[in-house]
Protein backbone atom coordinates (compact mmCIF):
# COMPACT_ATOMS: atom_id res chain seq x y z
CA MET A 1 112.97 97.35 92.49
CA ASN A 2 116.37 99.24 92.55
CA VAL A 3 118.68 99.60 95.54
CA CYS A 4 118.11 103.15 95.87
CA SER A 5 114.42 102.76 96.42
CA THR A 6 114.47 99.93 98.54
CA HIS A 7 116.81 101.71 101.11
CA GLU A 8 114.42 104.71 100.76
CA LEU A 9 111.58 102.76 102.04
CA HIS A 10 113.63 101.24 104.99
CA GLN A 11 114.72 104.81 105.66
CA GLU A 12 111.22 105.96 106.38
CA LYS A 13 110.25 103.38 108.24
CA LEU A 14 113.44 103.45 110.28
CA ASP A 15 113.00 107.20 110.79
CA GLN A 16 109.70 106.45 112.36
CA LEU A 17 111.20 104.38 115.15
CA PRO A 18 112.41 106.80 117.85
CA GLY A 19 109.52 108.78 118.03
CA LEU A 20 107.36 105.29 118.23
CA LEU A 21 109.51 103.99 120.99
CA ARG A 22 108.89 107.04 123.02
CA GLU A 23 104.96 107.19 122.27
CA VAL A 24 104.92 103.53 123.36
CA GLY A 25 107.11 104.02 126.40
CA LEU A 26 109.88 101.17 125.00
CA ASP A 27 113.78 102.19 125.54
CA CYS A 28 114.55 99.58 123.13
CA TRP A 29 113.22 97.12 120.69
CA LEU A 30 115.02 93.91 119.87
CA VAL A 31 114.45 91.86 116.90
CA TRP A 32 115.78 88.45 117.27
CA VAL A 33 115.82 86.20 114.55
CA ARG A 34 117.43 82.93 112.63
CA GLU A 35 117.00 81.37 109.60
CA THR A 36 114.54 83.61 108.33
CA VAL A 37 113.94 81.92 105.22
CA GLN A 38 112.18 79.17 107.17
CA ALA A 39 111.12 81.20 110.00
CA PRO A 40 110.26 84.57 109.18
CA ASP A 41 109.69 87.58 111.32
CA PRO A 42 106.96 89.86 109.73
CA VAL A 43 108.76 93.12 110.49
CA LEU A 44 111.89 92.17 109.07
CA HIS A 45 111.24 93.42 105.67
CA LEU A 46 110.16 96.81 106.80
CA ILE A 47 113.62 97.39 108.54
CA LEU A 48 115.97 95.55 106.57
CA GLY A 49 114.72 93.71 103.63
CA ALA A 50 117.20 90.86 103.93
CA GLU A 51 117.37 87.34 105.16
CA LEU A 52 119.50 86.73 107.88
CA VAL A 53 120.71 83.06 108.74
CA TRP A 54 122.71 82.82 111.98
CA PRO A 55 120.86 83.99 115.15
CA SER A 56 120.71 87.76 114.92
CA ALA A 57 119.88 90.76 117.26
CA LEU A 58 118.50 93.93 115.61
CA LEU A 59 118.49 96.73 118.35
CA PHE A 60 116.69 99.89 117.77
CA THR A 61 116.74 102.85 120.53
CA ALA A 62 114.72 105.67 121.50
CA ASP A 63 117.77 107.97 120.93
CA GLY A 64 117.85 106.67 117.24
CA GLN A 65 120.65 103.99 117.42
CA ARG A 66 120.10 100.96 115.14
CA ILE A 67 122.48 98.20 116.18
CA ALA A 68 122.75 95.13 114.03
CA ILE A 69 124.39 92.01 115.95
CA VAL A 70 124.62 89.18 112.94
CA GLY A 71 126.85 86.10 111.91
CA SER A 72 130.16 87.34 110.16
CA PHE A 73 128.72 85.80 106.83
CA ASP A 74 125.33 87.87 107.12
CA ALA A 75 127.16 91.16 107.99
CA ALA A 76 127.53 91.88 104.06
CA VAL A 77 123.66 92.10 104.00
CA ILE A 78 123.38 95.01 106.36
CA PRO A 79 123.28 98.49 104.79
CA ASP A 80 125.64 100.49 106.59
CA VAL A 81 123.64 103.59 105.23
CA LEU A 82 120.96 102.47 107.66
CA TYR A 83 122.61 101.21 110.65
CA THR A 84 124.63 103.05 112.81
CA ARG A 85 126.60 99.81 114.26
CA VAL A 86 127.09 96.47 112.83
CA VAL A 87 128.62 93.97 115.13
CA PRO A 88 129.67 90.77 113.35
CA TYR A 89 130.23 87.47 115.43
CA THR A 90 131.83 84.19 114.54
CA GLU A 91 131.49 81.68 117.64
CA GLY A 92 128.46 82.88 119.18
CA ILE A 93 126.42 86.13 119.52
CA ALA A 94 125.49 85.98 123.49
CA GLN A 95 128.59 87.80 124.83
CA HIS A 96 128.08 90.69 121.87
CA LEU A 97 124.14 91.17 122.82
CA ARG A 98 124.81 91.67 126.34
CA ALA A 99 127.38 93.86 125.87
CA GLN A 100 125.26 96.07 123.66
CA LEU A 101 122.44 96.02 125.97
CA ASP A 102 125.01 97.06 128.89
CA MET A 103 126.01 100.01 126.68
CA ILE A 104 122.30 100.89 125.82
CA ASN A 105 121.13 100.28 129.46
CA PRO A 106 117.48 100.52 128.68
CA ARG A 107 114.79 100.09 131.34
CA SER A 108 112.46 98.14 128.69
CA ILE A 109 113.00 96.07 125.94
CA GLY A 110 110.24 95.15 123.37
CA ILE A 111 110.37 91.75 121.71
CA ASN A 112 107.89 90.35 119.09
CA GLU A 113 105.33 88.47 120.89
CA SER A 114 101.57 88.99 120.82
CA ARG A 115 98.22 87.26 121.61
CA ASN A 116 96.18 89.54 119.54
CA ASP A 117 98.41 90.32 116.51
CA VAL A 118 100.09 87.75 113.92
CA ALA A 119 102.13 90.75 112.50
CA ALA A 120 103.83 91.43 116.20
CA ASP A 121 104.24 87.81 116.87
CA GLY A 122 107.33 86.76 115.12
CA LEU A 123 109.48 85.65 118.03
CA THR A 124 109.27 81.70 117.97
CA ALA A 125 108.99 79.95 121.30
CA GLY A 126 112.49 78.44 120.72
CA MET A 127 114.39 81.77 120.05
CA LYS A 128 112.32 83.24 122.92
CA ALA A 129 114.05 80.41 125.25
CA VAL A 130 117.52 81.10 123.65
CA LEU A 131 117.13 84.65 124.46
CA ALA A 132 115.93 84.19 128.37
CA ASP A 133 119.30 81.71 128.65
CA ILE A 134 121.29 84.60 127.14
CA LEU A 135 120.01 87.12 129.35
CA ALA A 136 119.55 85.06 132.70
CA PRO A 137 123.06 86.39 133.86
CA THR A 138 121.91 89.91 133.46
CA SER A 139 119.70 92.51 134.79
CA HIS A 140 118.13 92.81 131.24
CA ALA A 141 115.98 89.33 131.68
CA ASP A 142 113.40 91.41 133.66
CA LYS A 143 113.03 94.10 130.94
CA LEU A 144 111.27 92.30 128.52
CA GLU A 145 107.82 93.02 127.16
CA SER A 146 105.73 92.61 124.17
CA ALA A 147 106.28 94.93 121.48
CA GLU A 148 102.81 94.73 119.93
CA ARG A 149 101.88 98.43 119.96
CA LEU A 150 104.99 99.34 118.66
CA VAL A 151 104.63 97.01 115.49
CA GLY A 152 101.45 98.00 115.16
CA HIS A 153 102.14 101.65 114.83
CA LEU A 154 105.05 100.98 112.35
CA ARG A 155 103.25 98.44 110.32
CA GLY A 156 100.14 100.65 110.28
CA ARG A 157 101.38 104.10 109.93
CA LYS A 158 102.17 103.81 105.96
CA SER A 159 105.29 105.91 104.78
CA PRO A 160 104.96 108.07 101.55
CA THR A 161 106.82 105.08 99.71
CA GLU A 162 104.44 102.48 101.04
CA GLN A 163 101.31 104.74 100.28
CA THR A 164 102.62 104.90 96.63
CA ARG A 165 103.46 101.18 96.15
CA ILE A 166 99.64 100.46 97.65
CA ARG A 167 98.08 102.80 95.30
CA GLU A 168 99.78 100.92 92.49
CA ALA A 169 98.97 97.86 93.58
CA VAL A 170 95.35 98.96 93.60
CA ARG A 171 95.69 100.68 90.41
CA ILE A 172 96.87 97.28 88.57
CA THR A 173 94.08 95.36 90.55
CA GLU A 174 91.50 97.55 89.28
CA GLN A 175 92.90 97.50 85.74
CA ILE A 176 92.76 93.74 85.57
CA LEU A 177 89.11 93.82 87.29
CA ALA A 178 87.89 96.45 84.57
CA GLU A 179 89.29 94.42 81.68
CA LEU A 180 87.05 91.45 82.72
CA ASP A 181 83.66 93.50 81.53
CA SER A 182 84.87 92.45 78.17
CA TYR A 183 86.26 89.04 78.95
CA LEU A 184 83.40 87.56 81.00
CA ALA A 185 80.77 85.54 79.43
CA VAL A 186 77.81 83.09 80.11
CA GLY A 187 78.96 79.63 79.85
CA GLN A 188 82.74 80.21 81.56
CA THR A 189 83.94 77.83 84.72
CA GLU A 190 85.13 79.63 87.67
CA VAL A 191 88.52 77.91 86.97
CA GLU A 192 88.69 79.44 83.44
CA ILE A 193 88.05 83.10 84.84
CA GLN A 194 90.72 82.39 87.62
CA GLU A 195 93.05 81.21 84.73
CA HIS A 196 92.71 84.34 82.58
CA VAL A 197 93.19 86.57 85.44
CA HIS A 198 96.34 84.63 86.11
CA ARG A 199 97.87 84.99 82.70
CA ARG A 200 96.94 88.75 82.71
CA MET A 201 99.30 89.09 85.99
CA ALA A 202 101.94 87.28 84.51
CA GLU A 203 101.88 89.66 81.62
CA LEU A 204 102.03 92.59 83.72
CA GLY A 205 104.63 91.31 85.81
CA VAL A 206 102.81 90.96 89.31
CA GLY A 207 102.56 88.71 92.26
CA PHE A 208 99.45 87.66 94.45
CA ALA A 209 98.52 89.36 97.58
CA TRP A 210 97.63 86.12 98.86
CA GLN A 211 98.05 82.31 97.69
CA ALA A 212 97.32 81.94 94.00
CA ALA A 213 95.03 78.94 94.52
CA GLY A 214 92.32 81.14 95.99
CA ASN A 215 93.40 84.47 94.35
CA PRO A 216 91.23 85.37 92.82
CA ALA A 217 88.39 83.56 94.60
CA VAL A 218 85.50 83.31 91.69
CA ASP A 219 82.01 82.53 92.82
CA ALA A 220 79.37 82.08 89.94
CA GLY A 221 75.86 81.53 91.20
CA PRO A 222 73.99 80.47 94.37
CA ASN A 223 75.11 76.67 94.93
CA LYS A 224 78.66 77.73 96.04
CA PRO A 225 80.30 77.60 99.56
CA PHE A 226 81.32 81.42 100.21
CA GLY A 227 84.75 81.77 101.73
CA HIS A 228 88.46 81.43 101.04
CA GLY A 229 88.23 78.20 98.60
CA SER A 230 89.39 77.93 94.93
CA PRO A 231 87.33 78.22 92.10
CA LEU A 232 85.52 75.18 90.68
CA ALA A 233 83.91 73.92 87.51
CA ASN A 234 80.78 75.74 88.10
CA ARG A 235 79.87 77.86 85.09
CA THR A 236 78.50 81.42 84.76
CA LYS A 237 74.59 81.51 83.89
CA ALA A 238 72.25 83.83 82.28
CA GLY A 239 70.43 85.78 85.52
CA HIS A 240 73.19 84.57 88.17
CA LEU A 241 75.62 86.71 89.84
CA LEU A 242 79.52 86.34 89.75
CA HIS A 243 81.43 87.51 92.79
CA ILE A 244 85.36 88.01 92.54
CA ASP A 245 87.76 89.02 95.56
CA PHE A 246 91.33 89.74 93.89
CA GLY A 247 94.65 91.59 95.04
CA VAL A 248 98.12 91.86 93.50
CA GLN A 249 101.25 92.77 94.74
CA THR A 250 103.78 94.97 93.22
CA ALA A 251 106.77 96.13 94.77
CA GLY A 252 106.29 94.18 97.89
CA TYR A 253 102.79 95.78 98.31
CA SER A 254 99.49 94.58 98.19
CA ALA A 255 95.62 95.55 97.05
CA ASP A 256 92.63 93.60 98.33
CA ILE A 257 89.26 94.37 96.13
CA GLN A 258 85.95 92.55 95.60
CA ARG A 259 83.59 93.43 92.76
CA MET A 260 79.89 91.75 91.61
CA TYR A 261 78.79 90.68 88.37
CA PHE A 262 75.41 90.25 86.90
CA PHE A 263 74.86 87.80 83.84
CA GLY A 264 71.89 90.03 82.25
CA SER A 265 70.84 93.60 81.49
CA PRO A 266 70.14 96.27 84.04
CA ASP A 267 66.54 96.00 83.71
CA GLU A 268 66.83 92.05 84.55
CA VAL A 269 68.38 92.32 87.86
CA PRO A 270 66.04 90.92 90.35
CA GLU A 271 64.68 93.30 93.24
CA GLU A 272 65.98 90.92 95.82
CA VAL A 273 69.81 91.53 94.28
CA ALA A 274 69.24 94.82 93.68
CA HIS A 275 68.40 95.31 97.36
CA ALA A 276 71.28 93.32 98.76
CA PHE A 277 73.79 95.11 96.62
CA ASP A 278 72.58 98.56 97.63
CA THR A 279 72.64 97.30 101.32
CA VAL A 280 76.37 96.28 101.04
CA ARG A 281 77.52 99.44 99.04
CA ASP A 282 75.59 101.92 101.25
CA ALA A 283 77.03 100.23 104.46
CA ILE A 284 80.64 100.62 103.30
CA ALA A 285 79.80 104.27 102.51
CA ARG A 286 78.26 104.83 106.04
CA ALA A 287 81.36 102.93 107.53
CA ALA A 288 83.67 105.45 105.68
CA GLU A 289 81.64 108.40 106.84
CA ILE A 290 82.96 107.52 110.60
CA LEU A 291 86.32 106.21 109.87
CA ARG A 292 88.75 108.60 110.99
CA PRO A 293 91.48 109.15 113.19
CA GLY A 294 91.02 108.22 116.84
CA VAL A 295 87.64 105.79 116.61
CA ARG A 296 88.07 102.44 117.47
CA GLY A 297 88.02 99.67 114.97
CA GLN A 298 84.79 98.13 116.79
CA ASP A 299 82.84 101.27 116.32
CA VAL A 300 83.47 101.56 112.40
CA ASP A 301 82.42 97.75 112.22
CA GLU A 302 79.25 98.46 114.30
CA ALA A 303 78.02 101.36 112.14
CA ALA A 304 78.02 99.18 109.13
CA ARG A 305 76.90 96.27 110.79
CA ALA A 306 73.97 97.86 112.46
CA TYR A 307 73.03 99.17 108.91
CA VAL A 308 72.91 95.72 107.42
CA VAL A 309 70.58 94.41 110.10
CA ASP A 310 68.32 97.45 109.89
CA ARG A 311 67.85 96.42 106.12
CA GLY A 312 66.96 92.98 107.05
CA TYR A 313 69.82 90.90 106.89
CA PRO A 314 71.84 88.69 109.57
CA PRO A 315 75.33 90.27 110.99
CA PHE A 316 78.05 89.27 108.36
CA ALA A 317 80.24 86.44 110.07
CA HIS A 318 83.85 88.41 109.94
CA ALA A 319 85.35 91.78 110.43
CA LEU A 320 84.41 94.87 108.29
CA GLY A 321 87.76 95.58 107.59
CA HIS A 322 91.47 94.69 107.83
CA GLN A 323 94.51 96.71 107.36
CA VAL A 324 96.35 96.20 104.03
CA GLY A 325 100.01 96.45 103.41
CA ARG A 326 103.07 94.26 102.62
CA PHE A 327 100.19 91.62 103.25
CA ALA A 328 96.62 91.88 102.26
CA HIS A 329 96.23 91.11 105.65
CA ASP A 330 98.64 93.32 107.46
CA GLY A 331 97.72 93.14 111.03
CA GLY A 332 97.40 95.69 113.76
CA THR A 333 94.04 97.30 114.69
CA LEU A 334 91.00 95.59 113.01
CA LEU A 335 87.57 97.11 112.16
CA GLY A 336 85.91 94.24 113.78
CA PRO A 337 83.29 93.38 116.53
CA PRO A 338 84.85 92.35 119.88
CA TRP A 339 84.65 88.80 119.36
CA GLU A 340 87.08 86.23 121.00
CA ARG A 341 88.63 85.06 117.83
CA TYR A 342 90.05 88.69 117.19
CA GLY A 343 91.31 89.23 120.70
CA ASP A 344 91.92 93.16 121.33
CA SER A 345 92.58 94.35 117.77
CA PRO A 346 88.87 95.53 117.13
CA ARG A 347 89.49 97.85 120.17
CA GLY A 348 92.55 99.61 118.51
CA VAL A 349 92.71 102.94 117.34
CA VAL A 350 92.56 104.20 114.16
CA GLU A 351 95.56 106.20 113.13
CA PRO A 352 96.47 108.51 109.81
CA GLY A 353 98.40 106.64 107.40
CA ASN A 354 96.41 103.29 108.23
CA VAL A 355 95.28 101.50 105.03
CA PHE A 356 92.09 99.50 105.55
CA THR A 357 89.81 97.15 103.55
CA LEU A 358 85.72 97.98 103.79
CA GLU A 359 84.23 94.70 102.97
CA LEU A 360 80.84 92.97 103.96
CA TYR A 361 78.52 90.37 102.54
CA VAL A 362 74.92 89.75 102.59
CA PRO A 363 72.88 86.59 101.63
CA THR A 364 70.07 86.62 98.90
CA GLU A 365 67.74 83.43 98.99
CA ASN A 366 67.93 82.37 95.57
CA TYR A 367 70.98 84.13 94.12
CA GLY A 368 74.17 83.41 96.63
CA GLN A 369 76.12 86.16 98.26
CA VAL A 370 76.47 89.82 97.28
CA SER A 371 79.88 91.29 98.69
CA LEU A 372 82.07 94.24 97.84
CA GLU A 373 85.52 95.21 99.09
CA GLU A 374 87.33 98.53 98.71
CA ASP A 375 90.74 99.94 100.34
CA VAL A 376 90.73 103.03 101.81
CA LEU A 377 93.49 105.37 103.38
CA VAL A 378 92.91 107.08 106.35
CA THR A 379 93.45 110.80 106.51
CA ALA A 380 94.04 113.63 108.78
CA ASP A 381 90.30 114.10 109.31
CA GLY A 382 88.74 111.12 107.53
CA CYS A 383 89.24 108.82 104.92
CA ALA A 384 89.93 108.66 101.23
CA PHE A 385 89.14 105.86 98.77
CA LEU A 386 91.92 104.36 96.92
CA SER A 387 89.99 102.04 94.87
CA LYS A 388 87.02 103.41 92.87
CA PRO A 389 83.80 102.29 94.95
CA GLN A 390 81.31 99.84 92.71
CA ARG A 391 78.31 101.87 92.64
CA ALA A 392 76.17 99.26 90.62
CA LEU A 393 76.31 95.73 89.31
CA ARG A 394 78.64 95.18 86.30
CA CYS A 395 76.02 93.44 83.95
CA ILE A 396 77.50 91.04 81.50
CA ARG A 397 75.51 90.05 78.44
CA ARG A 398 78.02 88.16 76.05
CA THR A 399 77.67 84.31 75.81
CA VAL A 400 80.80 81.70 75.14
CA ARG A 401 80.51 80.64 71.79
């Protein structure tokens, strides 16, 4: 990735900030970090794309100011084409931060702490305590509030460059999955399948959308715990299913897709499996029909959940969809049920430019779980599939020789 394209992306995100700050009622946003290699704030790479060592304050205002207060050794990583003012320091940041806030004179200051959204919770407890000490002698100490809504909007409303990069991640993920049609065979182990995918990723020069040990997740047959675990020595067998959950990361952006395979011919697919596959496929389609700006995440989840139950299955034990971007799980509004573990995220409202997964599973009695996952972009009046939805089981009839 060249410097120009990196700056283009950050410029797009920074250009969103003044309007977003006004929209959520914040005068100023303070990103307050140190040693970001060890303690990264998830927002940093959206607005800077570099690591900071000394205690650093990035300030953004509703009138468009972008101020970086950083250690003198870190000043060189701040692009002057993106920031209106760089304030280097040597001995300490406190007086410089207080002075800049005095000049801005904000009524409210957003900080990155959140009960609901991990992507908006980058401020450590220690750094918050340091900030409280610095601001204690000033009136600014009483102006701090959560920037959760701001961060959710900034991450969620994908800019043109972000959308292009996600599309490319989806394209490469689907390419590798499509190539598996000519590789898979009866008698392979889950480990062998994953290793093949890893070799192909290396050849294409792409990274992992989540940790390599479980990417891709490979589940062969019915006797396998379903979830985020690593592949095992289970072998593919005639008449069995294979589930793969896979996503690459390229140019800093991710994809997240699940596909189902059957080892046999289409006319050998058991009715139990066909009914399960059709249920998952059609539940995703129903969710896509109502996914549009202005709906709550929990309402999209409920449409798919109700359809699954009507088809005779128990409710699936996870959210229908999460946002995708820098990470496979990118924070913000969740297409999920209003369960305790999800906090307020399912009550969030869907926005244009959001990229979501639509994913769910149903169990079969004799063949394991049937699960699919698609990536979609929310448009002005609905959503568009970024992945090509799987309409039928991929049937594999080869055998390892």
